């Protein structure tokens, strides 16, 4: 396959964008959180932290969420690197993206952003003994998520109950009142 000049221009444009974000120490998470997107975020966090453990890293979030385990891997990375991480919601941080947002050392939302949490979704069709094991595992994950909410927010019992049975949507003002964000811009 021959690379056309149009393809070369696209690649050059893409690398300029990446270079500009790298200079700003900025990562954008605007996709479903899965193994691929988590790997890219983790890789950038590790690289930026290795380059300088003092300069802050900005993680911009505009995501509907995704995999709990892949999200927890991002959270563990944020918590384990030396460089401070500023999380910034532009648009939305829903589901697992909302939990990743909470891991930031400084948490910022734009005025028109939303933060949302809901119960984990899971489903399975398998042998009963396997289902029992997965249910136990899913309960354990849910406890971890509740612990994160209690540790990093000022959500009241009513809000936590909403997490268990529905969707808790908060605009930036409400998120500030409930200790979810430090600042609204």
C-alpha atoms as a PDB file:
ATOM      1  CA  UNK A   1       0.000   0.000   0.000  1.00  0.00           C
ATOM      2  CA  UNK A   2       1.389   3.359  -1.025  1.00  0.00           C
ATOM      3  CA  UNK A   3       1.270   6.249   1.404  1.00  0.00           C
ATOM      4  CA  UNK A   4      -0.252   9.249  -0.320  1.00  0.00           C
ATOM      5  CA  UNK A   5       0.645  12.866   0.359  1.00  0.00           C
ATOM      6  CA  UNK A   6      -2.818  13.275   1.936  1.00  0.00           C
ATOM      7  CA  UNK A   7      -2.045  10.465   4.418  1.00  0.00           C
ATOM      8  CA  UNK A   8       1.355  12.010   5.184  1.00  0.00           C
ATOM      9  CA  UNK A   9      -0.301  15.363   5.909  1.00  0.00           C
ATOM     10  CA  UNK A  10      -2.761  13.684   8.289  1.00  0.00           C
ATOM     11  CA  UNK A  11       0.051  11.890  10.110  1.00  0.00           C
ATOM     12  CA  UNK A  12       2.067  15.108  10.358  1.00  0.00           C
ATOM     13  CA  UNK A  13      -0.965  17.009  11.694  1.00  0.00           C
ATOM     14  CA  UNK A  14      -1.652  14.236  14.230  1.00  0.00           C
ATOM     15  CA  UNK A  15       1.950  14.248  15.482  1.00  0.00           C
ATOM     16  CA  UNK A  16       1.885  18.062  15.879  1.00  0.00           C
ATOM     17  CA  UNK A  17      -1.263  17.774  18.013  1.00  0.00           C
ATOM     18  CA  UNK A  18       0.327  15.089  20.136  1.00  0.00           C
ATOM     19  CA  UNK A  19       3.519  17.114  20.523  1.00  0.00           C
ATOM     20  CA  UNK A  20       1.576  20.225  21.604  1.00  0.00           C
ATOM     21  CA  UNK A  21      -0.354  18.257  24.230  1.00  0.00           C
ATOM     22  CA  UNK A  22       2.858  16.595  25.375  1.00  0.00           C
ATOM     23  CA  UNK A  23       4.476  20.003  25.891  1.00  0.00           C
ATOM     24  CA  UNK A  24       1.458  21.047  27.941  1.00  0.00           C
ATOM     25  CA  UNK A  25       1.627  17.736  29.889  1.00  0.00           C
ATOM     26  CA  UNK A  26      -2.028  17.233  29.002  1.00  0.00           C
ATOM     27  CA  UNK A  27      -3.906  13.993  28.407  1.00  0.00           C
ATOM     28  CA  UNK A  28      -7.405  13.832  26.959  1.00  0.00           C
ATOM     29  CA  UNK A  29      -9.759  11.029  27.988  1.00  0.00           C
ATOM     30  CA  UNK A  30     -12.753  11.406  25.690  1.00  0.00           C
ATOM     31  CA  UNK A  31     -13.546   7.811  24.803  1.00  0.00           C
ATOM     32  CA  UNK A  32     -15.069   4.788  26.425  1.00  0.00           C
ATOM     33  CA  UNK A  33     -12.798   3.572  29.206  1.00  0.00           C
ATOM     34  CA  UNK A  34     -11.479   0.208  28.099  1.00  0.00           C
ATOM     35  CA  UNK A  35      -8.132  -1.540  27.915  1.00  0.00           C
ATOM     36  CA  UNK A  36      -6.907   0.541  24.982  1.00  0.00           C
ATOM     37  CA  UNK A  37      -7.883   3.972  26.288  1.00  0.00           C
ATOM     38  CA  UNK A  38      -6.681   3.116  29.818  1.00  0.00           C
ATOM     39  CA  UNK A  39      -3.306   1.938  28.477  1.00  0.00           C
ATOM     40  CA  UNK A  40      -2.826   5.210  26.594  1.00  0.00           C
ATOM     41  CA  UNK A  41      -3.703   7.328  29.636  1.00  0.00           C
ATOM     42  CA  UNK A  42      -1.498   5.243  31.947  1.00  0.00           C
ATOM     43  CA  UNK A  43       1.420   5.379  29.512  1.00  0.00           C
ATOM     44  CA  UNK A  44       1.231   9.180  29.287  1.00  0.00           C
ATOM     45  CA  UNK A  45       0.905   9.558  33.065  1.00  0.00           C
ATOM     46  CA  UNK A  46       4.014   7.438  33.607  1.00  0.00           C
ATOM     47  CA  UNK A  47       6.021   9.228  30.914  1.00  0.00           C
ATOM     48  CA  UNK A  48       5.097  12.713  32.143  1.00  0.00           C
ATOM     49  CA  UNK A  49       5.799  11.773  35.763  1.00  0.00           C
ATOM     50  CA  UNK A  50       9.180  10.326  34.795  1.00  0.00           C
ATOM     51  CA  UNK A  51      10.056  13.513  32.880  1.00  0.00           C
ATOM     52  CA  UNK A  52       9.249  15.661  35.902  1.00  0.00           C
ATOM     53  CA  UNK A  53       7.747  14.671  39.214  1.00  0.00           C
ATOM     54  CA  UNK A  54       7.139  18.315  40.145  1.00  0.00           C
ATOM     55  CA  UNK A  55       5.322  19.687  37.105  1.00  0.00           C
ATOM     56  CA  UNK A  56       1.581  19.013  37.165  1.00  0.00           C
ATOM     57  CA  UNK A  57      -0.152  16.819  34.610  1.00  0.00           C
ATOM     58  CA  UNK A  58      -3.628  17.737  33.376  1.00  0.00           C
ATOM     59  CA  UNK A  59      -6.110  14.958  32.584  1.00  0.00           C
ATOM     60  CA  UNK A  60      -9.037  16.400  30.629  1.00  0.00           C
ATOM     61  CA  UNK A  61     -12.139  14.211  30.900  1.00  0.00           C
ATOM     62  CA  UNK A  62     -15.160  14.187  28.601  1.00  0.00           C
ATOM     63  CA  UNK A  63     -16.315  10.571  28.791  1.00  0.00           C
ATOM     64  CA  UNK A  64     -19.413   8.489  29.433  1.00  0.00           C
ATOM     65  CA  UNK A  65     -17.254   5.987  31.348  1.00  0.00           C
ATOM     66  CA  UNK A  66     -16.673   2.303  30.811  1.00  0.00           C
ATOM     67  CA  UNK A  67     -14.818  -0.585  32.419  1.00  0.00           C
ATOM     68  CA  UNK A  68     -14.465  -0.432  36.205  1.00  0.00           C
ATOM     69  CA  UNK A  69     -11.239  -2.439  36.255  1.00  0.00           C
ATOM     70  CA  UNK A  70      -9.597  -0.337  33.544  1.00  0.00           C
ATOM     71  CA  UNK A  71     -10.730   2.810  35.372  1.00  0.00           C
ATOM     72  CA  UNK A  72      -9.298   1.546  38.646  1.00  0.00           C
ATOM     73  CA  UNK A  73      -5.980   0.969  36.851  1.00  0.00           C
ATOM     74  CA  UNK A  74      -5.954   4.653  35.841  1.00  0.00           C
ATOM     75  CA  UNK A  75      -6.848   5.701  39.407  1.00  0.00           C
ATOM     76  CA  UNK A  76      -4.081   3.520  40.864  1.00  0.00           C
ATOM     77  CA  UNK A  77      -1.599   5.059  38.429  1.00  0.00           C
ATOM     78  CA  UNK A  78      -2.641   8.617  39.316  1.00  0.00           C
ATOM     79  CA  UNK A  79      -2.281   7.777  43.007  1.00  0.00           C
ATOM     80  CA  UNK A  80       1.112   6.077  42.575  1.00  0.00           C
ATOM     81  CA  UNK A  81       3.022   8.623  40.477  1.00  0.00           C
ATOM     82  CA  UNK A  82       4.885  11.502  42.064  1.00  0.00           C
ATOM     83  CA  UNK A  83       3.718  14.251  39.709  1.00  0.00           C
ATOM     84  CA  UNK A  84       0.537  16.046  40.766  1.00  0.00           C
ATOM     85  CA  UNK A  85      -2.449  15.353  38.526  1.00  0.00           C
ATOM     86  CA  UNK A  86      -5.111  17.943  37.840  1.00  0.00           C
ATOM     87  CA  UNK A  87      -8.361  16.417  36.579  1.00  0.00           C
ATOM     88  CA  UNK A  88     -10.586  18.669  34.505  1.00  0.00           C
ATOM     89  CA  UNK A  89     -14.102  17.899  33.312  1.00  0.00           C
ATOM     90  CA  UNK A  90     -15.068  19.577  30.070  1.00  0.00           C
ATOM     91  CA  UNK A  91     -18.547  18.342  29.197  1.00  0.00           C
ATOM     92  CA  UNK A  92     -19.122  15.213  31.226  1.00  0.00           C
ATOM     93  CA  UNK A  93     -17.527  12.661  33.497  1.00  0.00           C
ATOM     94  CA  UNK A  94     -19.985   9.820  33.834  1.00  0.00           C
ATOM     95  CA  UNK A  95     -19.802   6.440  35.486  1.00  0.00           C
ATOM     96  CA  UNK A  96     -16.169   5.276  35.729  1.00  0.00           C
ATOM     97  CA  UNK A  97     -14.932   8.598  34.320  1.00  0.00           C
ATOM     98  CA  UNK A  98     -16.528  10.290  37.358  1.00  0.00           C
ATOM     99  CA  UNK A  99     -14.444   8.086  39.663  1.00  0.00           C
ATOM    100  CA  UNK A 100     -11.262   8.825  37.713  1.00  0.00           C
ATOM    101  CA  UNK A 101     -12.019  12.526  38.125  1.00  0.00           C
ATOM    102  CA  UNK A 102     -12.041  12.073  41.919  1.00  0.00           C
ATOM    103  CA  UNK A 103      -8.447  10.774  41.841  1.00  0.00           C
ATOM    104  CA  UNK A 104      -7.045  14.169  40.854  1.00  0.00           C
ATOM    105  CA  UNK A 105      -4.946  16.183  43.279  1.00  0.00           C
ATOM    106  CA  UNK A 106      -6.812  19.227  42.012  1.00  0.00           C
ATOM    107  CA  UNK A 107     -10.315  18.685  40.611  1.00  0.00           C
ATOM    108  CA  UNK A 108     -11.749  21.307  38.265  1.00  0.00           C
ATOM    109  CA  UNK A 109     -14.977  21.455  36.255  1.00  0.00           C
ATOM    110  CA  UNK A 110     -16.043  23.889  33.598  1.00  0.00           C
ATOM    111  CA  UNK A 111     -19.241  25.804  34.320  1.00  0.00           C
ATOM    112  CA  UNK A 112     -21.401  23.750  31.953  1.00  0.00           C
ATOM    113  CA  UNK A 113     -20.009  20.325  32.886  1.00  0.00           C
ATOM    114  CA  UNK A 114     -21.766  17.403  34.545  1.00  0.00           C
ATOM    115  CA  UNK A 115     -20.600  14.637  36.865  1.00  0.00           C
ATOM    116  CA  UNK A 116     -22.643  11.431  37.079  1.00  0.00           C
ATOM    117  CA  UNK A 117     -22.466   8.127  38.930  1.00  0.00           C
ATOM    118  CA  UNK A 118     -24.743   5.088  38.831  1.00  0.00           C
ATOM    119  CA  UNK A 119     -24.722   1.447  39.916  1.00  0.00           C
ATOM    120  CA  UNK A 120     -22.386  -0.887  38.084  1.00  0.00           C
ATOM    121  CA  UNK A 121     -23.878  -2.674  35.144  1.00  0.00           C
ATOM    122  CA  UNK A 122     -23.136  -6.330  34.839  1.00  0.00           C
ATOM    123  CA  UNK A 123     -24.741  -9.329  33.344  1.00  0.00           C
ATOM    124  CA  UNK A 124     -23.760 -12.851  32.686  1.00  0.00           C
ATOM    125  CA  UNK A 125     -24.934 -16.034  31.126  1.00  0.00           C
ATOM    126  CA  UNK A 126     -22.941 -18.978  32.342  1.00  0.00           C
ATOM    127  CA  UNK A 127     -22.829 -21.939  34.702  1.00  0.00           C
ATOM    128  CA  UNK A 128     -24.402 -21.159  38.061  1.00  0.00           C
ATOM    129  CA  UNK A 129     -21.160 -21.761  39.983  1.00  0.00           C
ATOM    130  CA  UNK A 130     -19.345 -19.216  37.785  1.00  0.00           C
ATOM    131  CA  UNK A 131     -22.156 -16.696  38.202  1.00  0.00           C
ATOM    132  CA  UNK A 132     -21.894 -16.999  41.998  1.00  0.00           C
ATOM    133  CA  UNK A 133     -18.167 -16.211  41.794  1.00  0.00           C
ATOM    134  CA  UNK A 134     -18.783 -13.204  39.555  1.00  0.00           C
ATOM    135  CA  UNK A 135     -21.511 -11.845  41.827  1.00  0.00           C
ATOM    136  CA  UNK A 136     -19.102 -12.014  44.760  1.00  0.00           C
ATOM    137  CA  UNK A 137     -16.498 -10.190  42.679  1.00  0.00           C
ATOM    138  CA  UNK A 138     -19.011  -7.519  41.522  1.00  0.00           C
ATOM    139  CA  UNK A 139     -20.046  -6.903  45.149  1.00  0.00           C
ATOM    140  CA  UNK A 140     -16.394  -6.391  46.059  1.00  0.00           C
ATOM    141  CA  UNK A 141     -15.976  -3.860  43.238  1.00  0.00           C
ATOM    142  CA  UNK A 142     -19.098  -2.014  44.361  1.00  0.00           C
ATOM    143  CA  UNK A 143     -17.701  -1.741  47.901  1.00  0.00           C
ATOM    144  CA  UNK A 144     -14.466  -0.272  46.475  1.00  0.00           C
ATOM    145  CA  UNK A 145     -16.446   2.335  44.519  1.00  0.00           C
ATOM    146  CA  UNK A 146     -18.483   3.285  47.600  1.00  0.00           C
ATOM    147  CA  UNK A 147     -15.260   3.659  49.593  1.00  0.00           C
ATOM    148  CA  UNK A 148     -13.895   6.028  46.943  1.00  0.00           C
ATOM    149  CA  UNK A 149     -17.065   8.119  47.069  1.00  0.00           C
ATOM    150  CA  UNK A 150     -16.964   8.334  50.854  1.00  0.00           C
ATOM    151  CA  UNK A 151     -13.251   9.203  50.907  1.00  0.00           C
ATOM    152  CA  UNK A 152     -13.164  11.834  48.151  1.00  0.00           C
ATOM    153  CA  UNK A 153     -16.570  13.526  48.331  1.00  0.00           C
ATOM    154  CA  UNK A 154     -19.023  15.005  50.796  1.00  0.00           C
ATOM    155  CA  UNK A 155     -21.933  13.026  49.376  1.00  0.00           C
ATOM    156  CA  UNK A 156     -24.663  12.440  51.936  1.00  0.00           C
ATOM    157  CA  UNK A 157     -26.476   9.177  52.581  1.00  0.00           C
ATOM    158  CA  UNK A 158     -29.280  10.129  50.173  1.00  0.00           C
ATOM    159  CA  UNK A 159     -26.735  10.722  47.365  1.00  0.00           C
ATOM    160  CA  UNK A 160     -24.991   7.425  48.059  1.00  0.00           C
ATOM    161  CA  UNK A 161     -28.353   5.648  47.988  1.00  0.00           C
ATOM    162  CA  UNK A 162     -28.994   7.194  44.558  1.00  0.00           C
ATOM    163  CA  UNK A 163     -25.679   5.709  43.414  1.00  0.00           C
ATOM    164  CA  UNK A 164     -26.961   2.297  44.421  1.00  0.00           C
ATOM    165  CA  UNK A 165     -30.306   2.471  42.580  1.00  0.00           C
ATOM    166  CA  UNK A 166     -30.229   5.172  39.909  1.00  0.00           C
ATOM    167  CA  UNK A 167     -28.195   7.954  38.385  1.00  0.00           C
ATOM    168  CA  UNK A 168     -26.872  10.875  40.375  1.00  0.00           C
ATOM    169  CA  UNK A 169     -26.311  13.784  37.959  1.00  0.00           C
ATOM    170  CA  UNK A 170     -24.657  16.901  39.358  1.00  0.00           C
ATOM    171  CA  UNK A 171     -23.929  20.147  37.562  1.00  0.00           C
ATOM    172  CA  UNK A 172     -20.717  21.989  38.403  1.00  0.00           C
ATOM    173  CA  UNK A 173     -22.319  24.119  41.132  1.00  0.00           C
ATOM    174  CA  UNK A 174     -23.854  21.086  42.854  1.00  0.00           C
ATOM    175  CA  UNK A 175     -20.584  19.179  42.499  1.00  0.00           C
ATOM    176  CA  UNK A 176     -18.731  22.024  44.223  1.00  0.00           C
ATOM    177  CA  UNK A 177     -21.253  22.044  47.090  1.00  0.00           C
ATOM    178  CA  UNK A 178     -20.813  18.294  47.575  1.00  0.00           C
ATOM    179  CA  UNK A 179     -17.008  18.404  47.631  1.00  0.00           C
ATOM    180  CA  UNK A 180     -16.602  16.645  44.301  1.00  0.00           C
ATOM    181  CA  UNK A 181     -14.802  19.487  42.568  1.00  0.00           C
ATOM    182  CA  UNK A 182     -12.422  22.016  44.055  1.00  0.00           C
ATOM    183  CA  UNK A 183     -13.080  24.698  41.486  1.00  0.00           C
ATOM    184  CA  UNK A 184     -15.484  25.702  38.723  1.00  0.00           C
ATOM    185  CA  UNK A 185     -14.113  27.669  35.758  1.00  0.00           C
END
